[in-house]
Amino acid sequence: MTAFNATRRGFLTGAGAIGAGALLSGCVTQTPSASAGKAGGPVTLQSNLSSPQAKTAMQAIVAAFDKRGDARAELNTVASETFRTQLPTYLTSANPPDVYTWYPGSVAESYAEKDLLLGLDDIWEKPELSGYSDALKTLCTSPSSGKKVFVPTSYYWWGMFYRKSNFAKWDVREPRTWDEFLDLCDKLKSKGVAPIGLGAGGDTPWVASAWFDYLDIRVNGATYHRELLAGKHRFDDPEVRKVFDKWDEARPYFDPDGTAIPFQDATTALLQGRTGMMLIGTFFADAAPKNALDDLDFFQFPIIDPKVPVAEEAPTDGYFASGRTKRADEAKELLRYLATAEAQELYLKSSSGTTLPTHPDAKDAGTPLVLKGRRLIEGAADLTQFFNRDSSDALQPTADTALVHYLAKPKEIGSILTTWQRGAQKIWSR
């Protein structure tokens, strides 16, 4: 979201994201179902959760919903990047899908202010959502209309993930500070391992934005970062140049294929020990083999300036509904079910279980990895979402272009930032 002013504790009593697999892609149907939006047919649930485990979890939720009452749902899974590009078309079509997986905050607001989302004030007064925190209520409310337009269901964290067995084999340990992190990179490189995996190639260039986000919140702080993404600062400011000065120190340790392969392939390289670690969200675990989950661990993105309050990325996901749906009552019934502890626990059991549910009574997986992730978020002084979530989907391509260009030609950073600012200004001035 553009500004996250709620307290950390208030957020955590109900913060959320369907996060696991929220940005994965796969071989899936790419068009709305023929029954989408038609009165008398099932509610169409348009999902971008296309990794095998996430898709299985969504199918389990739909099956459970169908057993509950008169309304029924039909799951339509769409490859993530296809979903992202087609979402405006879905929402503006005459016969749109009814309910969608996506993001709250500024991303949802970009559609709400065009009156494309269904108002959900009435279901937020129902028992399923009555215990959600004030922070979540604010996050899910459209500033332009004052109406609630979103139902959050789980949240997740980002970290520097690695395999415990590989760190043990290489005789290295988790770093805390930036200098310790660079020392770790040196040790891994000396052992013939590419220290840092990336995966910003193919259709996942957005992965590089995580590095920009974390370096900015570590160097300049979360408040500056959100203001920058809202257009209150410039991408060619000296403060942003400092971010890239620090990135330059780590860049030599990146996998040379980092901008040539998508993050799914980068995940494989990490699991196979060809790279040492990777800054990624827990959603990547839904594409990992089940037998590898217990061997996964992570550490906090290193502290650079101890004087800067520590912020972490904790993206929130869930669902909104089309403002043009012909089955508003049935869509709301589905959304009410998705908000329950039952549905959220079912998702966790059927997926990798590496996300945290938003319902205050829902239990998380309770694994050491999840408990460590919860402690990371609870220990943060502030929380951000992700580049496009704190700005807009429209601004993300400007970051993709700038950051991939930087990684390829770092000496051109001056002109890169100038071009980035010019592109971002066009978005902000619309």
Protein backbone atom coordinates (compact mmCIF):
# COMPACT_ATOMS: atom_id res chain seq x y z
CA MET A 1 0.00 0.00 0.00
CA THR A 2 1.09 3.56 -0.48
CA ALA A 3 1.32 4.37 3.21
CA PHE A 4 1.40 1.83 6.00
CA ASN A 5 0.93 3.72 9.25
CA ALA A 6 -0.62 0.99 11.39
CA THR A 7 1.42 -0.37 14.27
CA ARG A 8 3.34 -3.58 13.75
CA ARG A 9 1.35 -5.39 16.44
CA GLY A 10 -1.97 -4.12 15.08
CA PHE A 11 -1.07 -5.39 11.63
CA LEU A 12 -0.05 -8.80 12.89
CA THR A 13 -3.32 -9.49 14.65
CA GLY A 14 -4.71 -9.99 11.19
CA ALA A 15 -2.30 -9.13 8.39
CA GLY A 16 -2.30 -11.34 5.40
CA ALA A 17 -1.38 -12.65 1.98
CA ILE A 18 -2.23 -15.74 0.03
CA GLY A 19 1.46 -15.29 -0.67
CA ALA A 20 2.46 -18.92 -1.20
CA GLY A 21 2.78 -19.13 -4.92
CA ALA A 22 1.21 -15.72 -5.50
CA LEU A 23 3.60 -15.01 -8.34
CA LEU A 24 4.23 -18.43 -9.79
CA SER A 25 3.43 -19.49 -13.33
CA GLY A 26 2.62 -22.75 -15.04
CA CYS A 27 0.74 -24.51 -17.82
CA VAL A 28 -2.83 -23.44 -17.19
CA THR A 29 -6.03 -22.17 -18.72
CA GLN A 30 -5.62 -18.58 -19.84
CA THR A 31 -9.15 -17.42 -20.55
CA PRO A 32 -12.23 -16.95 -18.36
CA SER A 33 -14.60 -19.86 -18.09
CA ALA A 34 -17.63 -19.89 -20.36
CA SER A 35 -19.80 -19.68 -17.24
CA ALA A 36 -18.01 -16.59 -15.91
CA GLY A 37 -20.46 -14.04 -14.58
CA LYS A 38 -23.59 -15.80 -15.83
CA ALA A 39 -26.50 -15.80 -13.40
CA GLY A 40 -27.40 -19.33 -12.46
CA GLY A 41 -23.89 -20.71 -13.00
CA PRO A 42 -21.13 -21.24 -10.48
CA VAL A 43 -19.10 -18.33 -9.14
CA THR A 44 -15.88 -18.10 -11.17
CA LEU A 45 -12.76 -17.90 -9.01
CA GLN A 46 -9.97 -16.56 -11.24
CA SER A 47 -6.68 -17.65 -9.64
CA ASN A 48 -3.03 -16.96 -10.44
CA LEU A 49 -1.87 -19.57 -7.90
CA SER A 50 -0.58 -22.01 -10.46
CA SER A 51 2.28 -23.88 -8.80
CA PRO A 52 1.28 -27.52 -8.21
CA GLN A 53 0.88 -27.29 -4.44
CA ALA A 54 -0.89 -23.93 -4.51
CA LYS A 55 -3.27 -25.08 -7.24
CA THR A 56 -4.07 -28.24 -5.28
CA ALA A 57 -4.77 -26.11 -2.20
CA MET A 58 -7.15 -23.89 -4.15
CA GLN A 59 -8.96 -26.93 -5.51
CA ALA A 60 -9.40 -28.21 -1.96
CA ILE A 61 -10.89 -24.89 -0.85
CA VAL A 62 -13.35 -24.81 -3.75
CA ALA A 63 -14.41 -28.41 -3.07
CA ALA A 64 -15.02 -27.57 0.59
CA PHE A 65 -17.02 -24.46 -0.34
CA ASP A 66 -19.19 -26.42 -2.75
CA LYS A 67 -20.25 -28.76 0.07
CA ARG A 68 -21.44 -25.94 2.32
CA GLY A 69 -24.54 -24.47 0.70
CA ASP A 70 -26.42 -23.47 -2.42
CA ALA A 71 -23.65 -21.42 -4.06
CA ARG A 72 -20.93 -23.22 -5.99
CA ALA A 73 -17.54 -22.08 -7.30
CA GLU A 74 -15.51 -22.93 -10.37
CA LEU A 75 -11.73 -22.53 -10.18
CA ASN A 76 -10.01 -21.09 -13.27
CA THR A 77 -6.21 -21.08 -12.86
CA VAL A 78 -4.20 -18.69 -15.02
CA ALA A 79 -0.43 -18.39 -15.35
CA SER A 80 0.72 -15.53 -13.14
CA GLU A 81 2.18 -13.19 -15.74
CA THR A 82 -0.77 -13.80 -18.06
CA PHE A 83 -3.10 -13.04 -15.17
CA ARG A 84 -1.24 -9.82 -14.41
CA THR A 85 -1.45 -8.50 -17.96
CA GLN A 86 -5.05 -9.61 -18.53
CA LEU A 87 -6.50 -8.47 -15.21
CA PRO A 88 -7.61 -5.04 -16.52
CA THR A 89 -9.31 -6.81 -19.43
CA TYR A 90 -11.05 -9.23 -17.09
CA LEU A 91 -12.38 -6.43 -14.92
CA THR A 92 -13.58 -4.22 -17.78
CA SER A 93 -15.24 -6.97 -19.82
CA ALA A 94 -19.01 -7.24 -20.10
CA ASN A 95 -18.97 -10.80 -18.78
CA PRO A 96 -16.13 -10.87 -16.22
CA PRO A 97 -15.02 -13.62 -13.86
CA ASP A 98 -16.55 -13.03 -10.42
CA VAL A 99 -13.78 -13.34 -7.80
CA TYR A 100 -9.99 -12.91 -8.18
CA THR A 101 -6.82 -13.66 -6.25
CA TRP A 102 -4.73 -10.48 -6.01
CA TYR A 103 -3.40 -7.73 -3.75
CA PRO A 104 -4.92 -5.10 -1.43
CA GLY A 105 -3.74 -1.54 -0.86
CA SER A 106 -2.69 0.65 -3.77
CA VAL A 107 -3.02 -2.14 -6.32
CA ALA A 108 -6.68 -2.77 -5.49
CA GLU A 109 -7.30 0.96 -5.24
CA SER A 110 -6.18 1.48 -8.84
CA TYR A 111 -9.19 -0.61 -9.87
CA ALA A 112 -11.55 0.55 -7.12
CA GLU A 113 -11.23 4.20 -8.10
CA LYS A 114 -12.48 3.21 -11.56
CA ASP A 115 -15.49 1.54 -9.95
CA LEU A 116 -14.39 -1.91 -11.14
CA LEU A 117 -14.51 -3.67 -7.76
CA LEU A 118 -17.51 -4.90 -5.79
CA GLY A 119 -18.15 -3.09 -2.50
CA LEU A 120 -17.80 -5.49 0.44
CA ASP A 121 -18.81 -3.40 3.46
CA ASP A 122 -21.67 -5.74 4.30
CA ILE A 123 -19.56 -8.91 4.55
CA TRP A 124 -16.96 -7.12 6.69
CA GLU A 125 -19.73 -6.84 9.28
CA LYS A 126 -20.27 -10.61 9.27
CA PRO A 127 -18.75 -12.96 11.91
CA GLU A 128 -16.11 -14.30 9.53
CA LEU A 129 -14.40 -10.90 9.35
CA SER A 130 -15.47 -9.27 12.61
CA GLY A 131 -12.26 -10.21 14.41
CA TYR A 132 -9.89 -8.85 11.79
CA SER A 133 -7.65 -5.99 12.89
CA ASP A 134 -8.24 -2.30 12.26
CA ALA A 135 -5.00 -2.29 10.25
CA LEU A 136 -6.43 -4.86 7.86
CA LYS A 137 -9.73 -2.99 7.64
CA THR A 138 -7.80 0.10 6.59
CA LEU A 139 -5.66 -1.84 4.13
CA CYS A 140 -8.77 -3.29 2.48
CA THR A 141 -10.66 0.02 2.24
CA SER A 142 -10.65 2.13 -0.92
CA PRO A 143 -9.50 5.69 -0.07
CA SER A 144 -11.46 7.09 -3.01
CA SER A 145 -14.83 5.61 -2.03
CA GLY A 146 -14.40 4.69 1.61
CA LYS A 147 -15.75 1.22 0.83
CA LYS A 148 -14.08 -2.05 1.71
CA VAL A 149 -13.17 -3.85 -1.51
CA PHE A 150 -10.84 -6.65 -0.44
CA VAL A 151 -10.71 -9.79 1.73
CA PRO A 152 -7.18 -10.70 2.95
CA THR A 153 -6.45 -14.32 3.75
CA SER A 154 -2.75 -14.81 4.55
CA TYR A 155 0.61 -13.09 4.55
CA TYR A 156 4.23 -14.11 4.11
CA TRP A 157 7.75 -12.81 4.42
CA TRP A 158 10.84 -12.36 2.30
CA GLY A 159 14.30 -13.46 3.39
CA MET A 160 17.65 -14.79 2.24
CA PHE A 161 16.79 -18.47 1.78
CA TYR A 162 19.31 -21.30 1.71
CA ARG A 163 19.58 -25.05 2.33
CA LYS A 164 20.83 -25.91 5.80
CA SER A 165 22.68 -28.97 4.53
CA ASN A 166 24.57 -26.86 2.00
CA PHE A 167 25.62 -24.25 4.55
CA ALA A 168 26.82 -27.08 6.80
CA LYS A 169 28.73 -28.69 3.91
CA TRP A 170 30.35 -25.37 3.03
CA ASP A 171 31.04 -24.62 6.72
CA VAL A 172 29.39 -21.18 6.63
CA ARG A 173 26.90 -19.46 8.93
CA GLU A 174 24.12 -16.90 8.70
CA PRO A 175 25.37 -13.29 8.69
CA ARG A 176 23.77 -10.41 10.59
CA THR A 177 25.54 -7.34 9.23
CA TRP A 178 26.32 -6.26 5.70
CA ASP A 179 30.05 -6.83 6.21
CA GLU A 180 29.40 -10.36 7.48
CA PHE A 181 27.19 -10.93 4.44
CA LEU A 182 29.96 -9.87 2.05
CA ASP A 183 32.40 -12.14 3.92
CA LEU A 184 29.94 -15.02 3.45
CA CYS A 185 29.80 -14.26 -0.27
CA ASP A 186 33.59 -14.33 -0.46
CA LYS A 187 33.71 -17.74 1.20
CA LEU A 188 31.07 -19.21 -1.09
CA LYS A 189 32.76 -17.84 -4.18
CA SER A 190 36.07 -19.35 -3.08
CA LYS A 191 34.34 -22.74 -2.95
CA GLY A 192 33.18 -22.44 -6.57
CA VAL A 193 29.58 -21.59 -5.66
CA ALA A 194 27.70 -18.61 -7.12
CA PRO A 195 26.84 -16.89 -3.82
CA ILE A 196 23.57 -15.14 -4.77
CA GLY A 197 20.82 -16.50 -7.02
CA LEU A 198 18.38 -14.06 -8.61
CA GLY A 199 16.00 -15.30 -11.32
CA ALA A 200 15.11 -11.97 -12.95
CA GLY A 201 15.03 -13.40 -16.46
CA GLY A 202 12.15 -14.64 -18.58
CA ASP A 203 8.83 -13.32 -17.36
CA THR A 204 9.97 -12.69 -13.76
CA PRO A 205 12.12 -9.52 -13.91
CA TRP A 206 10.15 -8.22 -10.89
CA VAL A 207 12.31 -10.43 -8.63
CA ALA A 208 15.06 -7.80 -8.85
CA SER A 209 12.73 -5.31 -7.17
CA ALA A 210 13.15 -7.18 -3.90
CA TRP A 211 16.79 -6.17 -3.86
CA PHE A 212 15.90 -2.55 -4.54
CA ASP A 213 13.22 -2.60 -1.85
CA TYR A 214 15.41 -4.10 0.83
CA LEU A 215 18.47 -1.98 0.08
CA ASP A 216 16.30 1.15 0.12
CA ILE A 217 14.60 0.33 3.43
CA ARG A 218 17.97 -0.59 4.95
CA VAL A 219 19.75 2.54 3.65
CA ASN A 220 16.98 5.18 3.65
CA GLY A 221 14.22 3.62 5.76
CA ALA A 222 10.68 2.42 5.07
CA THR A 223 9.07 5.87 5.22
CA TYR A 224 11.37 7.25 2.52
CA HIS A 225 10.83 4.10 0.46
CA ARG A 226 7.03 4.42 0.48
CA GLU A 227 7.25 8.13 -0.27
CA LEU A 228 9.57 7.42 -3.19
CA LEU A 229 7.14 4.92 -4.67
CA ALA A 230 4.30 7.38 -4.21
CA GLY A 231 6.12 10.05 -6.25
CA LYS A 232 7.18 12.26 -3.32
CA HIS A 233 10.87 11.74 -4.15
CA ARG A 234 12.73 11.17 -7.40
CA PHE A 235 14.44 8.01 -8.60
CA ASP A 236 17.45 10.14 -9.60
CA ASP A 237 17.82 11.60 -6.08
CA PRO A 238 21.18 11.18 -4.28
CA GLU A 239 19.45 8.93 -1.73
CA VAL A 240 18.55 6.44 -4.46
CA ARG A 241 22.09 6.58 -5.83
CA LYS A 242 23.28 5.44 -2.37
CA VAL A 243 21.13 2.34 -2.76
CA PHE A 244 23.01 1.38 -5.92
CA ASP A 245 26.37 2.24 -4.37
CA LYS A 246 25.61 -0.41 -1.76
CA TRP A 247 24.25 -2.83 -4.38
CA ASP A 248 27.53 -2.45 -6.27
CA GLU A 249 29.29 -4.10 -3.31
CA ALA A 250 27.16 -7.25 -3.65
CA ARG A 251 26.71 -7.32 -7.42
CA PRO A 252 29.96 -9.24 -8.18
CA TYR A 253 28.59 -12.14 -6.15
CA PHE A 254 25.38 -12.59 -8.17
CA ASP A 255 24.87 -15.65 -10.33
CA PRO A 256 26.01 -14.68 -13.87
CA ASP A 257 22.75 -16.21 -15.15
CA GLY A 258 20.68 -14.12 -12.75
CA THR A 259 19.00 -12.02 -15.44
CA ALA A 260 18.82 -14.83 -17.99
CA ILE A 261 16.67 -17.34 -16.09
CA PRO A 262 13.28 -16.97 -14.36
CA PHE A 263 13.02 -17.36 -10.61
CA GLN A 264 11.65 -20.90 -10.91
CA ASP A 265 14.96 -21.97 -12.51
CA ALA A 266 16.88 -19.90 -9.96
CA THR A 267 15.03 -21.81 -7.22
CA THR A 268 16.17 -25.09 -8.78
CA ALA A 269 19.76 -23.84 -8.82
CA LEU A 270 19.46 -22.96 -5.13
CA LEU A 271 18.02 -26.36 -4.20
CA GLN A 272 20.73 -28.14 -6.21
CA GLY A 273 23.52 -26.18 -4.52
CA ARG A 274 24.66 -24.34 -7.63
CA THR A 275 23.91 -21.05 -5.83
CA GLY A 276 24.28 -20.40 -2.15
CA MET A 277 21.30 -18.22 -1.23
CA MET A 278 18.47 -16.25 -2.74
CA LEU A 279 16.35 -13.26 -1.68
CA ILE A 280 12.83 -14.55 -2.27
CA GLY A 281 9.40 -14.82 -0.68
CA THR A 282 8.10 -18.00 0.91
CA PHE A 283 5.83 -18.58 -2.09
CA PHE A 284 8.78 -20.25 -3.83
CA ALA A 285 8.41 -23.21 -1.44
CA ASP A 286 5.23 -24.29 -3.23
CA ALA A 287 7.42 -25.23 -6.18
CA ALA A 288 10.00 -27.03 -4.02
CA PRO A 289 9.93 -30.80 -3.50
CA LYS A 290 8.23 -31.77 -0.25
CA ASN A 291 11.37 -33.56 0.91
CA ALA A 292 13.37 -30.32 0.62
CA LEU A 293 11.12 -28.21 2.85
CA ASP A 294 12.67 -29.35 6.13
CA ASP A 295 16.11 -28.43 4.78
CA LEU A 296 15.14 -24.85 3.93
CA ASP A 297 16.08 -21.96 6.18
CA PHE A 298 16.57 -18.21 5.80
CA PHE A 299 18.22 -15.24 7.43
CA GLN A 300 17.15 -11.62 7.70
CA PHE A 301 18.33 -9.31 4.95
CA PRO A 302 21.51 -7.90 6.50
CA ILE A 303 21.46 -4.72 8.54
CA ILE A 304 23.39 -1.96 6.77
CA ASP A 305 22.88 1.08 9.00
CA PRO A 306 21.98 0.27 12.65
CA LYS A 307 20.48 3.76 13.01
CA VAL A 308 17.78 3.02 10.41
CA PRO A 309 14.67 1.37 11.96
CA VAL A 310 14.46 -2.24 10.80
CA ALA A 311 11.67 -2.88 8.30
CA GLU A 312 10.72 -6.12 6.60
CA GLU A 313 8.66 -6.99 3.54
CA ALA A 314 5.44 -8.77 4.53
CA PRO A 315 3.16 -8.79 1.47
CA THR A 316 -0.57 -9.22 1.94
CA ASP A 317 -2.77 -11.11 -0.52
CA GLY A 318 -6.33 -12.31 -0.79
CA TYR A 319 -9.34 -11.64 -3.00
CA PHE A 320 -11.54 -9.01 -4.57
CA ALA A 321 -14.65 -9.31 -6.75
CA SER A 322 -15.66 -7.71 -10.02
CA GLY A 323 -17.95 -4.72 -9.76
CA ARG A 324 -19.71 -6.06 -12.87
CA THR A 325 -20.41 -9.56 -11.54
CA LYS A 326 -23.91 -10.87 -12.18
CA ARG A 327 -23.66 -13.04 -9.07
CA ALA A 328 -22.82 -10.52 -6.35
CA ASP A 329 -24.57 -12.40 -3.53
CA GLU A 330 -22.90 -15.70 -4.42
CA ALA A 331 -19.51 -13.99 -4.85
CA LYS A 332 -19.85 -12.50 -1.37
CA GLU A 333 -20.75 -15.91 0.02
CA LEU A 334 -17.52 -17.30 -1.42
CA LEU A 335 -15.52 -14.38 -0.02
CA ARG A 336 -17.01 -14.92 3.41
CA TYR A 337 -15.89 -18.53 3.31
CA LEU A 338 -12.38 -17.60 2.16
CA ALA A 339 -12.12 -15.32 5.18
CA THR A 340 -12.77 -18.16 7.66
CA ALA A 341 -10.18 -19.91 9.76
CA GLU A 342 -11.37 -23.20 8.22
CA ALA A 343 -10.57 -22.14 4.66
CA GLN A 344 -7.21 -20.62 5.57
CA GLU A 345 -6.09 -23.68 7.53
CA LEU A 346 -7.21 -25.90 4.66
CA TYR A 347 -5.03 -23.89 2.28
CA LEU A 348 -2.03 -24.26 4.58
CA LYS A 349 -2.50 -28.02 4.94
CA SER A 350 -2.78 -28.52 1.18
CA SER A 351 0.13 -26.24 0.19
CA SER A 352 3.68 -25.95 1.50
CA GLY A 353 2.33 -24.32 4.68
CA THR A 354 4.86 -21.49 4.62
CA THR A 355 2.36 -18.64 4.88
CA LEU A 356 0.65 -17.09 7.89
CA PRO A 357 -3.17 -16.88 8.03
CA THR A 358 -4.99 -13.60 8.61
CA HIS A 359 -7.92 -14.95 10.61
CA PRO A 360 -7.06 -14.41 14.29
CA ASP A 361 -8.23 -17.93 15.20
CA ALA A 362 -6.53 -19.77 12.34
CA LYS A 363 -3.46 -21.83 13.17
CA ASP A 364 -0.32 -21.65 11.08
CA ALA A 365 1.79 -24.70 10.21
CA GLY A 366 3.89 -24.29 13.35
CA THR A 367 7.08 -25.49 11.66
CA PRO A 368 10.45 -24.06 12.72
CA LEU A 369 10.61 -22.14 9.42
CA VAL A 370 7.18 -20.57 9.95
CA LEU A 371 7.89 -19.73 13.58
CA LYS A 372 11.13 -18.05 12.55
CA GLY A 373 9.29 -16.10 9.87
CA ARG A 374 6.68 -14.93 12.36
CA ARG A 375 9.42 -13.77 14.75
CA LEU A 376 11.09 -11.87 11.89
CA ILE A 377 7.91 -9.94 11.11
CA GLU A 378 6.94 -9.40 14.75
CA GLY A 379 10.40 -8.01 15.46
CA ALA A 380 10.23 -5.41 12.70
CA ALA A 381 9.74 -1.73 13.47
CA ASP A 382 7.85 -1.30 10.19
CA LEU A 383 6.47 -3.38 7.36
CA THR A 384 6.41 -2.81 3.62
CA GLN A 385 4.68 -4.85 0.93
CA PHE A 386 6.59 -5.09 -2.37
CA PHE A 387 7.49 -2.61 -5.09
CA ASN A 388 4.28 -2.79 -7.11
CA ARG A 389 2.13 -3.20 -3.99
CA ASP A 390 3.56 -0.07 -2.40
CA SER A 391 3.28 1.77 -5.73
CA SER A 392 1.14 0.27 -8.50
CA ASP A 393 1.16 -2.45 -11.14
CA ALA A 394 1.67 0.34 -13.68
CA LEU A 395 4.95 1.42 -12.04
CA GLN A 396 6.43 -2.09 -11.85
CA PRO A 397 7.60 -2.23 -15.51
CA THR A 398 9.65 0.95 -14.97
CA ALA A 399 11.50 -0.84 -12.16
CA ASP A 400 11.91 -4.03 -14.20
CA THR A 401 13.55 -2.12 -17.05
CA ALA A 402 15.79 -0.01 -14.80
CA LEU A 403 17.01 -2.81 -12.55
CA VAL A 404 17.73 -5.35 -15.29
CA HIS A 405 19.59 -2.60 -17.20
CA TYR A 406 21.60 -1.80 -14.07
CA LEU A 407 22.58 -5.43 -13.53
CA ALA A 408 23.73 -5.66 -17.15
CA LYS A 409 25.48 -2.28 -17.34
CA PRO A 410 26.07 -0.91 -13.82
CA LYS A 411 28.33 1.90 -15.01
CA GLU A 412 25.33 3.48 -16.74
CA ILE A 413 23.48 3.96 -13.46
CA GLY A 414 23.26 7.76 -13.88
CA SER A 415 21.36 7.58 -17.16
CA ILE A 416 19.37 4.58 -15.90
CA LEU A 417 18.01 6.54 -12.94
CA THR A 418 17.23 9.54 -15.15
CA THR A 419 15.27 7.32 -17.52
CA TRP A 420 13.55 5.59 -14.59
CA GLN A 421 12.41 8.91 -13.18
CA ARG A 422 11.11 10.02 -16.57
CA GLY A 423 9.08 6.82 -16.97
CA ALA A 424 7.76 6.93 -13.42
CA GLN A 425 6.73 10.57 -13.81
CA LYS A 426 4.51 9.63 -16.73
CA ILE A 427 2.76 7.07 -14.52
CA TRP A 428 2.33 9.47 -11.59
CA SER A 429 1.00 12.29 -13.79
CA ARG A 430 -1.79 10.23 -15.34
